PDB file of all heavy atoms in Angstrom:
ATOM      1  N   THR A   1       0.863  -1.186   0.000  1.00  0.00           N
ATOM      2  CA  THR A   1       0.000   0.000   0.000  1.00  0.00           C
ATOM      3  C   THR A   1       0.899   1.235   0.000  1.00  0.00           C
ATOM      4  O   THR A   1       1.893   1.302   0.734  1.00  0.00           O
ATOM      5  CB  THR A   1      -0.957   0.019   1.198  1.00  0.00           C
ATOM      6  OG1 THR A   1      -0.218   0.047   2.416  1.00  0.00           O
ATOM      7  CG2 THR A   1      -1.853  -1.208   1.185  1.00  0.00           C
ATOM      8  N   MET A   2       0.534   2.214  -0.821  1.00  0.00           N
ATOM      9  CA  MET A   2       1.441   3.327  -1.098  1.00  0.00           C
ATOM     10  C   MET A   2       0.641   4.566  -1.447  1.00  0.00           C
ATOM     11  O   MET A   2      -0.385   4.495  -2.124  1.00  0.00           O
ATOM     12  CB  MET A   2       2.349   2.927  -2.267  1.00  0.00           C
ATOM     13  CG  MET A   2       3.618   3.717  -2.426  1.00  0.00           C
ATOM     14  SD  MET A   2       4.682   2.916  -3.665  1.00  0.00           S
ATOM     15  CE  MET A   2       6.171   3.896  -3.446  1.00  0.00           C
ATOM     16  N   GLY A   3       1.083   5.707  -0.976  1.00  0.00           N
ATOM     17  CA  GLY A   3       0.442   6.962  -1.314  1.00  0.00           C
ATOM     18  C   GLY A   3       0.594   7.290  -2.786  1.00  0.00           C
ATOM     19  O   GLY A   3       1.528   6.837  -3.456  1.00  0.00           O
ATOM     20  N   ARG A   4      -0.329   8.086  -3.298  1.00  0.00           N
ATOM     21  CA  ARG A   4      -0.335   8.387  -4.728  1.00  0.00           C
ATOM     22  C   ARG A   4       0.947   9.071  -5.199  1.00  0.00           C
ATOM     23  O   ARG A   4       1.494   8.743  -6.255  1.00  0.00           O
ATOM     24  CB  ARG A   4      -1.538   9.264  -5.053  1.00  0.00           C
ATOM     25  CG  ARG A   4      -2.885   8.574  -4.865  1.00  0.00           C
ATOM     26  CD  ARG A   4      -4.039   9.492  -5.244  1.00  0.00           C
ATOM     27  NE  ARG A   4      -5.321   8.788  -5.186  1.00  0.00           N
ATOM     28  CZ  ARG A   4      -6.448   9.276  -5.679  1.00  0.00           C
ATOM     29  NH1 ARG A   4      -6.450  10.485  -6.242  1.00  0.00           N
ATOM     30  NH2 ARG A   4      -7.576   8.583  -5.591  1.00  0.00           N
ATOM     31  N   GLU A   5       1.435  10.030  -4.405  1.00  0.00           N
ATOM     32  CA  GLU A   5       2.613  10.789  -4.817  1.00  0.00           C
ATOM     33  C   GLU A   5       3.851   9.899  -4.869  1.00  0.00           C
ATOM     34  O   GLU A   5       4.619   9.922  -5.840  1.00  0.00           O
ATOM     35  CB  GLU A   5       2.839  11.960  -3.845  1.00  0.00           C
ATOM     36  CG  GLU A   5       3.948  12.898  -4.244  1.00  0.00           C
ATOM     37  CD  GLU A   5       4.058  14.103  -3.311  1.00  0.00           C
ATOM     38  OE1 GLU A   5       3.011  14.697  -2.989  1.00  0.00           O
ATOM     39  OE2 GLU A   5       5.190  14.444  -2.920  1.00  0.00           O
ATOM     40  N   SER A   6       4.035   9.068  -3.845  1.00  0.00           N
ATOM     41  CA  SER A   6       5.194   8.173  -3.820  1.00  0.00           C
ATOM     42  C   SER A   6       5.087   7.106  -4.907  1.00  0.00           C
ATOM     43  O   SER A   6       6.085   6.728  -5.530  1.00  0.00           O
ATOM     44  CB  SER A   6       5.316   7.506  -2.446  1.00  0.00           C
ATOM     45  OG  SER A   6       5.566   8.465  -1.441  1.00  0.00           O
ATOM     46  N   ARG A   7       3.873   6.620  -5.140  1.00  0.00           N
ATOM     47  CA  ARG A   7       3.697   5.605  -6.182  1.00  0.00           C
ATOM     48  C   ARG A   7       4.018   6.175  -7.559  1.00  0.00           C
ATOM     49  O   ARG A   7       4.638   5.505  -8.394  1.00  0.00           O
ATOM     50  CB  ARG A   7       2.267   5.065  -6.146  1.00  0.00           C
ATOM     51  CG  ARG A   7       1.999   3.981  -7.174  1.00  0.00           C
ATOM     52  CD  ARG A   7       0.622   3.368  -7.007  1.00  0.00           C
ATOM     53  NE  ARG A   7       0.338   2.385  -8.032  1.00  0.00           N
ATOM     54  CZ  ARG A   7      -0.767   1.644  -8.082  1.00  0.00           C
ATOM     55  NH1 ARG A   7      -1.683   1.766  -7.132  1.00  0.00           N
ATOM     56  NH2 ARG A   7      -0.963   0.776  -9.063  1.00  0.00           N
ATOM     57  N   ALA A   8       3.598   7.417  -7.806  1.00  0.00           N
ATOM     58  CA  ALA A   8       3.898   8.042  -9.100  1.00  0.00           C
ATOM     59  C   ALA A   8       5.408   8.162  -9.292  1.00  0.00           C
ATOM     60  O   ALA A   8       5.924   7.921 -10.397  1.00  0.00           O
ATOM     61  CB  ALA A   8       3.225   9.410  -9.188  1.00  0.00           C
ATOM     62  N   ALA A   9       6.123   8.530  -8.226  1.00  0.00           N
ATOM     63  CA  ALA A   9       7.579   8.628  -8.323  1.00  0.00           C
ATOM     64  C   ALA A   9       8.199   7.255  -8.581  1.00  0.00           C
ATOM     65  O   ALA A   9       9.144   7.120  -9.377  1.00  0.00           O
ATOM     66  CB  ALA A   9       8.138   9.231  -7.035  1.00  0.00           C
ATOM     67  N   ALA A  10       7.678   6.220  -7.925  1.00  0.00           N
ATOM     68  CA  ALA A  10       8.194   4.864  -8.139  1.00  0.00           C
ATOM     69  C   ALA A  10       7.899   4.388  -9.559  1.00  0.00           C
ATOM     70  O   ALA A  10       8.712   3.684 -10.173  1.00  0.00           O
ATOM     71  CB  ALA A  10       7.578   3.914  -7.113  1.00  0.00           C
ATOM     72  N   GLN A  11       6.746   4.765 -10.075  1.00  0.00           N
ATOM     73  CA  GLN A  11       6.422   4.398 -11.450  1.00  0.00           C
ATOM     74  C   GLN A  11       7.383   5.059 -12.426  1.00  0.00           C
ATOM     75  O   GLN A  11       7.841   4.427 -13.394  1.00  0.00           O
ATOM     76  CB  GLN A  11       4.985   4.807 -11.769  1.00  0.00           C
ATOM     77  CG  GLN A  11       3.944   3.879 -11.170  1.00  0.00           C
ATOM     78  CD  GLN A  11       2.520   4.350 -11.415  1.00  0.00           C
ATOM     79  OE1 GLN A  11       2.232   5.544 -11.309  1.00  0.00           O
ATOM     80  NE2 GLN A  11       1.633   3.420 -11.713  1.00  0.00           N
ATOM     81  N   SER A  12       7.707   6.320 -12.176  1.00  0.00           N
ATOM     82  CA  SER A  12       8.594   7.037 -13.094  1.00  0.00           C
ATOM     83  C   SER A  12       9.998   6.434 -13.108  1.00  0.00           C
ATOM     84  O   SER A  12      10.723   6.563 -14.102  1.00  0.00           O
ATOM     85  CB  SER A  12       8.651   8.519 -12.716  1.00  0.00           C
ATOM     86  OG  SER A  12       9.340   8.709 -11.486  1.00  0.00           O
ATOM     87  N   GLU A  13      10.393   5.769 -12.033  1.00  0.00           N
ATOM     88  CA  GLU A  13      11.703   5.109 -11.985  1.00  0.00           C
ATOM     89  C   GLU A  13      11.656   3.672 -12.487  1.00  0.00           C
ATOM     90  O   GLU A  13      12.672   2.981 -12.495  1.00  0.00           O
ATOM     91  CB  GLU A  13      12.239   5.122 -10.550  1.00  0.00           C
ATOM     92  CG  GLU A  13      12.595   6.500 -10.022  1.00  0.00           C
ATOM     93  CD  GLU A  13      13.294   6.459  -8.674  1.00  0.00           C
ATOM     94  OE1 GLU A  13      13.764   5.372  -8.266  1.00  0.00           O
ATOM     95  OE2 GLU A  13      13.370   7.521  -8.020  1.00  0.00           O
ATOM     96  N   GLY A  14      10.476   3.209 -12.872  1.00  0.00           N
ATOM     97  CA  GLY A  14      10.345   1.840 -13.357  1.00  0.00           C
ATOM     98  C   GLY A  14      10.240   0.798 -12.264  1.00  0.00           C
ATOM     99  O   GLY A  14      10.234  -0.413 -12.548  1.00  0.00           O
ATOM    100  N   LEU A  15      10.136   1.240 -11.015  1.00  0.00           N
ATOM    101  CA  LEU A  15      10.132   0.290  -9.891  1.00  0.00           C
ATOM    102  C   LEU A  15       8.817  -0.474  -9.794  1.00  0.00           C
ATOM    103  O   LEU A  15       8.797  -1.666  -9.456  1.00  0.00           O
ATOM    104  CB  LEU A  15      10.394   1.044  -8.586  1.00  0.00           C
ATOM    105  CG  LEU A  15      11.726   1.789  -8.495  1.00  0.00           C
ATOM    106  CD1 LEU A  15      11.756   2.663  -7.243  1.00  0.00           C
ATOM    107  CD2 LEU A  15      12.889   0.799  -8.490  1.00  0.00           C
ATOM    108  N   VAL A  16       7.712   0.221 -10.085  1.00  0.00           N
ATOM    109  CA  VAL A  16       6.412  -0.434 -10.010  1.00  0.00           C
ATOM    110  C   VAL A  16       6.330  -1.546 -11.047  1.00  0.00           C
ATOM    111  O   VAL A  16       5.918  -2.678 -10.743  1.00  0.00           O
ATOM    112  CB  VAL A  16       5.273   0.578 -10.189  1.00  0.00           C
ATOM    113  CG1 VAL A  16       3.929  -0.127 -10.326  1.00  0.00           C
ATOM    114  CG2 VAL A  16       5.245   1.552  -9.014  1.00  0.00           C
ATOM    115  N   ALA A  17       6.747  -1.254 -12.275  1.00  0.00           N
ATOM    116  CA  ALA A  17       6.712  -2.268 -13.329  1.00  0.00           C
ATOM    117  C   ALA A  17       7.615  -3.451 -12.978  1.00  0.00           C
ATOM    118  O   ALA A  17       7.262  -4.614 -13.200  1.00  0.00           O
ATOM    119  CB  ALA A  17       7.123  -1.650 -14.659  1.00  0.00           C
ATOM    120  N   GLN A  18       8.790  -3.154 -12.430  1.00  0.00           N
ATOM    121  CA  GLN A  18       9.722  -4.229 -12.063  1.00  0.00           C
ATOM    122  C   GLN A  18       9.115  -5.145 -11.005  1.00  0.00           C
ATOM    123  O   GLN A  18       9.159  -6.372 -11.126  1.00  0.00           O
ATOM    124  CB  GLN A  18      11.032  -3.635 -11.545  1.00  0.00           C
ATOM    125  CG  GLN A  18      12.054  -4.682 -11.100  1.00  0.00           C
ATOM    126  CD  GLN A  18      13.245  -4.067 -10.402  1.00  0.00           C
ATOM    127  OE1 GLN A  18      13.575  -2.898 -10.653  1.00  0.00           O
ATOM    128  NE2 GLN A  18      13.901  -4.830  -9.541  1.00  0.00           N
ATOM    129  N   LEU A  19       8.535  -4.555  -9.965  1.00  0.00           N
ATOM    130  CA  LEU A  19       7.962  -5.360  -8.892  1.00  0.00           C
ATOM    131  C   LEU A  19       6.689  -6.072  -9.337  1.00  0.00           C
ATOM    132  O   LEU A  19       6.431  -7.210  -8.922  1.00  0.00           O
ATOM    133  CB  LEU A  19       7.703  -4.483  -7.669  1.00  0.00           C
ATOM    134  CG  LEU A  19       8.966  -4.128  -6.871  1.00  0.00           C
ATOM    135  CD1 LEU A  19       8.693  -3.008  -5.886  1.00  0.00           C
ATOM    136  CD2 LEU A  19       9.503  -5.361  -6.141  1.00  0.00           C
ATOM    137  N   GLU A  20       5.894  -5.419 -10.174  1.00  0.00           N
ATOM    138  CA  GLU A  20       4.719  -6.107 -10.714  1.00  0.00           C
ATOM    139  C   GLU A  20       5.135  -7.312 -11.533  1.00  0.00           C
ATOM    140  O   GLU A  20       4.445  -8.349 -11.529  1.00  0.00           O
ATOM    141  CB  GLU A  20       3.881  -5.138 -11.549  1.00  0.00           C
ATOM    142  CG  GLU A  20       3.121  -4.121 -10.694  1.00  0.00           C
ATOM    143  CD  GLU A  20       2.313  -3.127 -11.506  1.00  0.00           C
ATOM    144  OE1 GLU A  20       2.644  -2.920 -12.701  1.00  0.00           O
ATOM    145  OE2 GLU A  20       1.355  -2.543 -10.960  1.00  0.00           O
ATOM    146  N   GLY A  21       6.278  -7.212 -12.194  1.00  0.00           N
ATOM    147  CA  GLY A  21       6.808  -8.355 -12.932  1.00  0.00           C
ATOM    148  C   GLY A  21       7.193  -9.513 -12.031  1.00  0.00           C
ATOM    149  O   GLY A  21       7.218 -10.671 -12.477  1.00  0.00           O
ATOM    150  N   ALA A  22       7.489  -9.194 -10.764  1.00  0.00           N
ATOM    151  CA  ALA A  22       7.808 -10.239  -9.784  1.00  0.00           C
ATOM    152  C   ALA A  22       6.560 -10.750  -9.073  1.00  0.00           C
ATOM    153  O   ALA A  22       6.659 -11.604  -8.183  1.00  0.00           O
ATOM    154  CB  ALA A  22       8.804  -9.695  -8.760  1.00  0.00           C
ATOM    155  N   GLY A  23       5.390 -10.220  -9.472  1.00  0.00           N
ATOM    156  CA  GLY A  23       4.132 -10.674  -8.880  1.00  0.00           C
ATOM    157  C   GLY A  23       3.626  -9.815  -7.745  1.00  0.00           C
ATOM    158  O   GLY A  23       2.665 -10.183  -7.071  1.00  0.00           O
ATOM    159  N   VAL A  24       4.262  -8.662  -7.514  1.00  0.00           N
ATOM    160  CA  VAL A  24       3.856  -7.776  -6.431  1.00  0.00           C
ATOM    161  C   VAL A  24       2.692  -6.904  -6.909  1.00  0.00           C
ATOM    162  O   VAL A  24       2.663  -6.441  -8.048  1.00  0.00           O
ATOM    163  CB  VAL A  24       5.033  -6.886  -5.976  1.00  0.00           C
ATOM    164  CG1 VAL A  24       4.590  -5.894  -4.917  1.00  0.00           C
ATOM    165  CG2 VAL A  24       6.181  -7.754  -5.465  1.00  0.00           C
TER     166      VAL A  24
END
């Protein structure tokens, strides 16, 4: 669970896509 602002920053760094690829 993550706030919108922090999640947007993580998405811009490719971290969300990377972790979603691991099943997160």
